[in-house]
Amino acid sequence: MKEYYKIYAWTECPFCIHAKELLIEKGEQFMFCCVDQSDGLLKHLKAKYSWDTVPMIVEKYTDKNGFKFIGGFTDLAKYLEVK
């Protein structure tokens, strides 16, 4: 069961801001996690999700504590189109 999205982002990144705005527009619940001052965390997330840019968008589930990695803003827009 989907509960919310998590966006790992830079505060001033246009694509990060667009992802946040899209989720607001769609009425989705989300967390916007700024990693501006967290180089170590950003490096860890890039390795964990095999993704080199921000935003990194994850769909989080409460059942079984699961998640699905969506990708960046363009991937999110496509993902929400087909839902």
PDB file of N, CA and C in Angstrom:
ATOM      1  N   MET A   1       0.834  -1.179   0.000  1.00  0.00           N
ATOM      2  CA  MET A   1       0.000   0.000   0.000  1.00  0.00           C
ATOM      3  C   MET A   1       0.883   1.249   0.000  1.00  0.00           C
ATOM      4  N   LYS A   2       0.681   2.156  -0.960  1.00  0.00           N
ATOM      5  CA  LYS A   2       1.469   3.384  -1.039  1.00  0.00           C
ATOM      6  C   LYS A   2       1.007   4.349   0.039  1.00  0.00           C
ATOM      7  N   GLU A   3       1.944   4.965   0.662  1.00  0.00           N
ATOM      8  CA  GLU A   3       1.629   5.959   1.667  1.00  0.00           C
ATOM      9  C   GLU A   3       2.072   7.358   1.242  1.00  0.00           C
ATOM     10  N   TYR A   4       3.290   7.477   0.730  1.00  0.00           N
ATOM     11  CA  TYR A   4       3.813   8.794   0.387  1.00  0.00           C
ATOM     12  C   TYR A   4       5.043   8.669  -0.505  1.00  0.00           C
ATOM     13  N   TYR A   5       5.469   9.801  -1.026  1.00  0.00           N
ATOM     14  CA  TYR A   5       6.700   9.887  -1.808  1.00  0.00           C
ATOM     15  C   TYR A   5       7.751  10.598  -0.981  1.00  0.00           C
ATOM     16  N   LYS A   6       8.988  10.285  -1.258  1.00  0.00           N
ATOM     17  CA  LYS A   6      10.100  10.993  -0.636  1.00  0.00           C
ATOM     18  C   LYS A   6      10.951  11.555  -1.773  1.00  0.00           C
ATOM     19  N   ILE A   7      11.208  12.859  -1.722  1.00  0.00           N
ATOM     20  CA  ILE A   7      12.033  13.532  -2.726  1.00  0.00           C
ATOM     21  C   ILE A   7      13.341  13.939  -2.066  1.00  0.00           C
ATOM     22  N   TYR A   8      14.449  13.392  -2.518  1.00  0.00           N
ATOM     23  CA  TYR A   8      15.767  13.853  -2.087  1.00  0.00           C
ATOM     24  C   TYR A   8      16.175  14.931  -3.078  1.00  0.00           C
ATOM     25  N   ALA A   9      16.469  16.127  -2.571  1.00  0.00           N
ATOM     26  CA  ALA A   9      16.577  17.284  -3.458  1.00  0.00           C
ATOM     27  C   ALA A   9      17.590  18.312  -2.976  1.00  0.00           C
ATOM     28  N   TRP A  10      17.934  19.205  -3.893  1.00  0.00           N
ATOM     29  CA  TRP A  10      18.626  20.441  -3.547  1.00  0.00           C
ATOM     30  C   TRP A  10      17.563  21.527  -3.486  1.00  0.00           C
ATOM     31  N   THR A  11      17.699  22.432  -2.567  1.00  0.00           N
ATOM     32  CA  THR A  11      16.694  23.464  -2.332  1.00  0.00           C
ATOM     33  C   THR A  11      16.376  24.283  -3.575  1.00  0.00           C
ATOM     34  N   GLU A  12      17.378  24.667  -4.342  1.00  0.00           N
ATOM     35  CA  GLU A  12      17.197  25.569  -5.479  1.00  0.00           C
ATOM     36  C   GLU A  12      17.151  24.867  -6.835  1.00  0.00           C
ATOM     37  N   CYS A  13      17.106  23.558  -6.854  1.00  0.00           N
ATOM     38  CA  CYS A  13      17.093  22.792  -8.108  1.00  0.00           C
ATOM     39  C   CYS A  13      15.735  22.923  -8.787  1.00  0.00           C
ATOM     40  N   PRO A  14      15.682  23.428 -10.028  1.00  0.00           N
ATOM     41  CA  PRO A  14      14.399  23.582 -10.718  1.00  0.00           C
ATOM     42  C   PRO A  14      13.632  22.269 -10.886  1.00  0.00           C
ATOM     43  N   PHE A  15      14.318  21.177 -11.193  1.00  0.00           N
ATOM     44  CA  PHE A  15      13.647  19.896 -11.364  1.00  0.00           C
ATOM     45  C   PHE A  15      13.101  19.376 -10.035  1.00  0.00           C
ATOM     46  N   CYS A  16      13.812  19.651  -8.949  1.00  0.00           N
ATOM     47  CA  CYS A  16      13.351  19.258  -7.611  1.00  0.00           C
ATOM     48  C   CYS A  16      12.079  20.027  -7.255  1.00  0.00           C
ATOM     49  N   ILE A  17      12.083  21.304  -7.540  1.00  0.00           N
ATOM     50  CA  ILE A  17      10.916  22.152  -7.269  1.00  0.00           C
ATOM     51  C   ILE A  17       9.732  21.712  -8.123  1.00  0.00           C
ATOM     52  N   HIS A  18       9.974  21.387  -9.387  1.00  0.00           N
ATOM     53  CA  HIS A  18       8.898  20.916 -10.266  1.00  0.00           C
ATOM     54  C   HIS A  18       8.304  19.606  -9.745  1.00  0.00           C
ATOM     55  N   ALA A  19       9.156  18.712  -9.233  1.00  0.00           N
ATOM     56  CA  ALA A  19       8.658  17.444  -8.684  1.00  0.00           C
ATOM     57  C   ALA A  19       7.740  17.713  -7.493  1.00  0.00           C
ATOM     58  N   LYS A  20       8.158  18.616  -6.624  1.00  0.00           N
ATOM     59  CA  LYS A  20       7.340  18.972  -5.462  1.00  0.00           C
ATOM     60  C   LYS A  20       6.006  19.569  -5.908  1.00  0.00           C
ATOM     61  N   GLU A  21       6.053  20.479  -6.861  1.00  0.00           N
ATOM     62  CA  GLU A  21       4.830  21.117  -7.359  1.00  0.00           C
ATOM     63  C   GLU A  21       3.891  20.107  -8.016  1.00  0.00           C
ATOM     64  N   LEU A  22       4.447  19.140  -8.748  1.00  0.00           N
ATOM     65  CA  LEU A  22       3.629  18.120  -9.397  1.00  0.00           C
ATOM     66  C   LEU A  22       2.899  17.268  -8.358  1.00  0.00           C
ATOM     67  N   LEU A  23       3.597  16.886  -7.304  1.00  0.00           N
ATOM     68  CA  LEU A  23       2.957  16.078  -6.268  1.00  0.00           C
ATOM     69  C   LEU A  23       1.882  16.866  -5.534  1.00  0.00           C
ATOM     70  N   ILE A  24       2.108  18.162  -5.330  1.00  0.00           N
ATOM     71  CA  ILE A  24       1.079  19.010  -4.725  1.00  0.00           C
ATOM     72  C   ILE A  24      -0.140  19.061  -5.637  1.00  0.00           C
ATOM     73  N   GLU A  25       0.107  19.281  -6.929  1.00  0.00           N
ATOM     74  CA  GLU A  25      -0.976  19.358  -7.924  1.00  0.00           C
ATOM     75  C   GLU A  25      -1.812  18.077  -7.953  1.00  0.00           C
ATOM     76  N   LYS A  26      -1.136  16.929  -7.789  1.00  0.00           N
ATOM     77  CA  LYS A  26      -1.816  15.631  -7.833  1.00  0.00           C
ATOM     78  C   LYS A  26      -2.435  15.243  -6.496  1.00  0.00           C
ATOM     79  N   GLY A  27      -2.215  16.059  -5.469  1.00  0.00           N
ATOM     80  CA  GLY A  27      -2.773  15.766  -4.153  1.00  0.00           C
ATOM     81  C   GLY A  27      -2.091  14.612  -3.440  1.00  0.00           C
ATOM     82  N   GLU A  28      -0.835  14.373  -3.775  1.00  0.00           N
ATOM     83  CA  GLU A  28      -0.083  13.268  -3.173  1.00  0.00           C
ATOM     84  C   GLU A  28       0.634  13.729  -1.903  1.00  0.00           C
ATOM     85  N   GLN A  29       0.790  12.821  -0.959  1.00  0.00           N
ATOM     86  CA  GLN A  29       1.559  13.067   0.262  1.00  0.00           C
ATOM     87  C   GLN A  29       3.044  12.865  -0.063  1.00  0.00           C
ATOM     88  N   PHE A  30       3.906  13.724   0.485  1.00  0.00           N
ATOM     89  CA  PHE A  30       5.338  13.571   0.217  1.00  0.00           C
ATOM     90  C   PHE A  30       6.178  14.251   1.289  1.00  0.00           C
ATOM     91  N   MET A  31       7.440  13.850   1.309  1.00  0.00           N
ATOM     92  CA  MET A  31       8.465  14.502   2.127  1.00  0.00           C
ATOM     93  C   MET A  31       9.474  15.097   1.159  1.00  0.00           C
ATOM     94  N   PHE A  32       9.891  16.327   1.402  1.00  0.00           N
ATOM     95  CA  PHE A  32      10.894  16.996   0.581  1.00  0.00           C
ATOM     96  C   PHE A  32      12.153  17.094   1.425  1.00  0.00           C
ATOM     97  N   CYS A  33      13.124  16.259   1.133  1.00  0.00           N
ATOM     98  CA  CYS A  33      14.341  16.140   1.947  1.00  0.00           C
ATOM     99  C   CYS A  33      15.503  16.836   1.258  1.00  0.00           C
ATOM    100  N   CYS A  34      15.911  17.975   1.800  1.00  0.00           N
ATOM    101  CA  CYS A  34      17.008  18.749   1.205  1.00  0.00           C
ATOM    102  C   CYS A  34      18.347  18.163   1.639  1.00  0.00           C
ATOM    103  N   VAL A  35      19.209  17.934   0.662  1.00  0.00           N
ATOM    104  CA  VAL A  35      20.526  17.360   0.934  1.00  0.00           C
ATOM    105  C   VAL A  35      21.639  18.349   0.581  1.00  0.00           C
ATOM    106  N   ASP A  36      21.304  19.645   0.581  1.00  0.00           N
ATOM    107  CA  ASP A  36      22.262  20.686   0.215  1.00  0.00           C
ATOM    108  C   ASP A  36      23.564  20.609   1.026  1.00  0.00           C
ATOM    109  N   GLN A  37      23.444  20.353   2.289  1.00  0.00           N
ATOM    110  CA  GLN A  37      24.604  20.362   3.188  1.00  0.00           C
ATOM    111  C   GLN A  37      25.014  18.956   3.610  1.00  0.00           C
ATOM    112  N   SER A  38      24.622  17.963   2.860  1.00  0.00           N
ATOM    113  CA  SER A  38      24.836  16.566   3.262  1.00  0.00           C
ATOM    114  C   SER A  38      25.527  15.774   2.168  1.00  0.00           C
ATOM    115  N   ASP A  39      26.763  16.130   1.880  1.00  0.00           N
ATOM    116  CA  ASP A  39      27.498  15.468   0.797  1.00  0.00           C
ATOM    117  C   ASP A  39      27.629  13.963   1.016  1.00  0.00           C
ATOM    118  N   GLY A  40      27.888  13.552   2.262  1.00  0.00           N
ATOM    119  CA  GLY A  40      28.019  12.121   2.551  1.00  0.00           C
ATOM    120  C   GLY A  40      26.718  11.376   2.327  1.00  0.00           C
ATOM    121  N   LEU A  41      25.625  11.957   2.774  1.00  0.00           N
ATOM    122  CA  LEU A  41      24.318  11.337   2.579  1.00  0.00           C
ATOM    123  C   LEU A  41      23.976  11.265   1.095  1.00  0.00           C
ATOM    124  N   LEU A  42      24.240  12.342   0.358  1.00  0.00           N
ATOM    125  CA  LEU A  42      23.962  12.349  -1.079  1.00  0.00           C
ATOM    126  C   LEU A  42      24.770  11.262  -1.787  1.00  0.00           C
ATOM    127  N   LYS A  43      26.020  11.111  -1.419  1.00  0.00           N
ATOM    128  CA  LYS A  43      26.865  10.067  -2.015  1.00  0.00           C
ATOM    129  C   LYS A  43      26.285   8.682  -1.712  1.00  0.00           C
ATOM    130  N   HIS A  44      25.843   8.474  -0.488  1.00  0.00           N
ATOM    131  CA  HIS A  44      25.234   7.203  -0.089  1.00  0.00           C
ATOM    132  C   HIS A  44      23.967   6.930  -0.908  1.00  0.00           C
ATOM    133  N   LEU A  45      23.101   7.944  -1.044  1.00  0.00           N
ATOM    134  CA  LEU A  45      21.849   7.781  -1.791  1.00  0.00           C
ATOM    135  C   LEU A  45      22.110   7.498  -3.263  1.00  0.00           C
ATOM    136  N   LYS A  46      23.096   8.178  -3.838  1.00  0.00           N
ATOM    137  CA  LYS A  46      23.443   7.922  -5.242  1.00  0.00           C
ATOM    138  C   LYS A  46      23.859   6.467  -5.444  1.00  0.00           C
ATOM    139  N   ALA A  47      24.636   5.941  -4.506  1.00  0.00           N
ATOM    140  CA  ALA A  47      25.069   4.547  -4.598  1.00  0.00           C
ATOM    141  C   ALA A  47      23.900   3.591  -4.357  1.00  0.00           C
ATOM    142  N   LYS A  48      23.077   3.885  -3.361  1.00  0.00           N
ATOM    143  CA  LYS A  48      21.942   3.018  -3.010  1.00  0.00           C
ATOM    144  C   LYS A  48      20.970   2.864  -4.172  1.00  0.00           C
ATOM    145  N   TYR A  49      20.651   3.977  -4.841  1.00  0.00           N
ATOM    146  CA  TYR A  49      19.656   3.946  -5.909  1.00  0.00           C
ATOM    147  C   TYR A  49      20.272   3.899  -7.309  1.00  0.00           C
ATOM    148  N   SER A  50      21.600   3.866  -7.399  1.00  0.00           N
ATOM    149  CA  SER A  50      22.301   3.875  -8.695  1.00  0.00           C
ATOM    150  C   SER A  50      21.798   5.029  -9.559  1.00  0.00           C
ATOM    151  N   TRP A  51      21.791   6.218  -8.984  1.00  0.00           N
ATOM    152  CA  TRP A  51      21.250   7.419  -9.624  1.00  0.00           C
ATOM    153  C   TRP A  51      22.200   8.568  -9.342  1.00  0.00           C
ATOM    154  N   ASP A  52      22.568   9.350 -10.364  1.00  0.00           N
ATOM    155  CA  ASP A  52      23.607  10.360 -10.206  1.00  0.00           C
ATOM    156  C   ASP A  52      23.113  11.784 -10.014  1.00  0.00           C
ATOM    157  N   THR A  53      21.820  12.033 -10.153  1.00  0.00           N
ATOM    158  CA  THR A  53      21.331  13.408 -10.093  1.00  0.00           C
ATOM    159  C   THR A  53      20.182  13.542  -9.097  1.00  0.00           C
ATOM    160  N   VAL A  54      19.877  14.779  -8.763  1.00  0.00           N
ATOM    161  CA  VAL A  54      18.671  15.057  -7.978  1.00  0.00           C
ATOM    162  C   VAL A  54      17.660  15.692  -8.908  1.00  0.00           C
ATOM    163  N   PRO A  55      16.389  15.519  -8.648  1.00  0.00           N
ATOM    164  CA  PRO A  55      15.848  14.814  -7.494  1.00  0.00           C
ATOM    165  C   PRO A  55      15.943  13.303  -7.643  1.00  0.00           C
ATOM    166  N   MET A  56      15.913  12.651  -6.492  1.00  0.00           N
ATOM    167  CA  MET A  56      15.754  11.200  -6.415  1.00  0.00           C
ATOM    168  C   MET A  56      14.411  10.987  -5.740  1.00  0.00           C
ATOM    169  N   ILE A  57      13.488  10.357  -6.434  1.00  0.00           N
ATOM    170  CA  ILE A  57      12.123  10.231  -5.931  1.00  0.00           C
ATOM    171  C   ILE A  57      11.809   8.767  -5.657  1.00  0.00           C
ATOM    172  N   VAL A  58      11.338   8.526  -4.438  1.00  0.00           N
ATOM    173  CA  VAL A  58      11.043   7.179  -3.974  1.00  0.00           C
ATOM    174  C   VAL A  58       9.586   7.125  -3.526  1.00  0.00           C
ATOM    175  N   GLU A  59       8.880   6.099  -3.940  1.00  0.00           N
ATOM    176  CA  GLU A  59       7.530   5.859  -3.453  1.00  0.00           C
ATOM    177  C   GLU A  59       7.659   4.925  -2.245  1.00  0.00           C
ATOM    178  N   LYS A  60       7.172   5.368  -1.093  1.00  0.00           N
ATOM    179  CA  LYS A  60       7.324   4.606   0.152  1.00  0.00           C
ATOM    180  C   LYS A  60       6.030   3.881   0.490  1.00  0.00           C
ATOM    181  N   TYR A  61       6.160   2.676   1.004  1.00  0.00           N
ATOM    182  CA  TYR A  61       5.021   1.848   1.412  1.00  0.00           C
ATOM    183  C   TYR A  61       5.140   1.530   2.896  1.00  0.00           C
ATOM    184  N   THR A  62       4.027   1.481   3.592  1.00  0.00           N
ATOM    185  CA  THR A  62       4.084   1.141   5.008  1.00  0.00           C
ATOM    186  C   THR A  62       4.012  -0.362   5.219  1.00  0.00           C
ATOM    187  N   ASP A  63       3.289  -1.065   4.363  1.00  0.00           N
ATOM    188  CA  ASP A  63       3.254  -2.510   4.523  1.00  0.00           C
ATOM    189  C   ASP A  63       4.596  -3.088   4.100  1.00  0.00           C
ATOM    190  N   LYS A  64       5.137  -3.918   4.915  1.00  0.00           N
ATOM    191  CA  LYS A  64       6.447  -4.543   4.679  1.00  0.00           C
ATOM    192  C   LYS A  64       7.577  -3.522   4.601  1.00  0.00           C
ATOM    193  N   ASN A  65       7.320  -2.273   4.996  1.00  0.00           N
ATOM    194  CA  ASN A  65       8.353  -1.240   5.004  1.00  0.00           C
ATOM    195  C   ASN A  65       9.069  -1.137   3.655  1.00  0.00           C
ATOM    196  N   GLY A  66       8.334  -1.274   2.576  1.00  0.00           N
ATOM    197  CA  GLY A  66       8.916  -1.311   1.240  1.00  0.00           C
ATOM    198  C   GLY A  66       8.983   0.043   0.567  1.00  0.00           C
ATOM    199  N   PHE A  67       9.596   0.040  -0.608  1.00  0.00           N
ATOM    200  CA  PHE A  67       9.716   1.257  -1.410  1.00  0.00           C
ATOM    201  C   PHE A  67       9.909   0.884  -2.866  1.00  0.00           C
ATOM    202  N   LYS A  68       9.650   1.863  -3.727  1.00  0.00           N
ATOM    203  CA  LYS A  68       9.934   1.718  -5.154  1.00  0.00           C
ATOM    204  C   LYS A  68      10.657   2.980  -5.595  1.00  0.00           C
ATOM    205  N   PHE A  69      11.830   2.828  -6.186  1.00  0.00           N
ATOM    206  CA  PHE A  69      12.555   3.985  -6.698  1.00  0.00           C
ATOM    207  C   PHE A  69      11.927   4.400  -8.025  1.00  0.00           C
ATOM    208  N   ILE A  70      11.520   5.665  -8.126  1.00  0.00           N
ATOM    209  CA  ILE A  70      10.872   6.181  -9.335  1.00  0.00           C
ATOM    210  C   ILE A  70      11.900   6.766 -10.299  1.00  0.00           C
ATOM    211  N   GLY A  71      12.817   7.587  -9.798  1.00  0.00           N
ATOM    212  CA  GLY A  71      13.813   8.257 -10.627  1.00  0.00           C
ATOM    213  C   GLY A  71      13.786   9.748 -10.379  1.00  0.00           C
ATOM    214  N   GLY A  72      13.910  10.535 -11.454  1.00  0.00           N
ATOM    215  CA  GLY A  72      13.904  11.990 -11.348  1.00  0.00           C
ATOM    216  C   GLY A  72      12.550  12.580 -11.702  1.00  0.00           C
ATOM    217  N   PHE A  73      12.529  13.885 -11.963  1.00  0.00           N
ATOM    218  CA  PHE A  73      11.268  14.570 -12.240  1.00  0.00           C
ATOM    219  C   PHE A  73      10.553  14.010 -13.461  1.00  0.00           C
ATOM    220  N   THR A  74      11.256  13.830 -14.572  1.00  0.00           N
ATOM    221  CA  THR A  74      10.634  13.316 -15.793  1.00  0.00           C
ATOM    222  C   THR A  74      10.057  11.924 -15.563  1.00  0.00           C
ATOM    223  N   ASP A  75      10.783  11.102 -14.816  1.00  0.00           N
ATOM    224  CA  ASP A  75      10.308   9.756 -14.504  1.00  0.00           C
ATOM    225  C   ASP A  75       9.043   9.819 -13.648  1.00  0.00           C
ATOM    226  N   LEU A  76       9.017  10.743 -12.695  1.00  0.00           N
ATOM    227  CA  LEU A  76       7.839  10.918 -11.849  1.00  0.00           C
ATOM    228  C   LEU A  76       6.628  11.334 -12.684  1.00  0.00           C
ATOM    229  N   ALA A  77       6.820  12.281 -13.583  1.00  0.00           N
ATOM    230  CA  ALA A  77       5.718  12.756 -14.424  1.00  0.00           C
ATOM    231  C   ALA A  77       5.147  11.600 -15.249  1.00  0.00           C
ATOM    232  N   LYS A  78       6.009  10.787 -15.833  1.00  0.00           N
ATOM    233  CA  LYS A  78       5.555   9.629 -16.613  1.00  0.00           C
ATOM    234  C   LYS A  78       4.867   8.607 -15.723  1.00  0.00           C
ATOM    235  N   TYR A  79       5.402   8.376 -14.554  1.00  0.00           N
ATOM    236  CA  TYR A  79       4.849   7.407 -13.614  1.00  0.00           C
ATOM    237  C   TYR A  79       3.432   7.812 -13.190  1.00  0.00           C
ATOM    238  N   LEU A  80       3.240   9.083 -12.906  1.00  0.00           N
ATOM    239  CA  LEU A  80       1.933   9.559 -12.472  1.00  0.00           C
ATOM    240  C   LEU A  80       0.922   9.586 -13.610  1.00  0.00           C
ATOM    241  N   GLU A  81       1.393   9.712 -14.856  1.00  0.00           N
ATOM    242  CA  GLU A  81       0.507   9.695 -16.027  1.00  0.00           C
ATOM    243  C   GLU A  81      -0.199   8.374 -16.190  1.00  0.00           C
ATOM    244  N   VAL A  82       0.508   7.279 -15.950  1.00  0.00           N
ATOM    245  CA  VAL A  82      -0.044   5.953 -16.195  1.00  0.00           C
ATOM    246  C   VAL A  82      -0.816   5.395 -15.016  1.00  0.00           C
ATOM    247  N   LYS A  83      -0.801   6.083 -13.911  1.00  0.00           N
ATOM    248  CA  LYS A  83      -1.509   5.591 -12.717  1.00  0.00           C
ATOM    249  C   LYS A  83      -2.980   5.861 -12.838  1.00  0.00           C
TER     250      LYS A  83
END
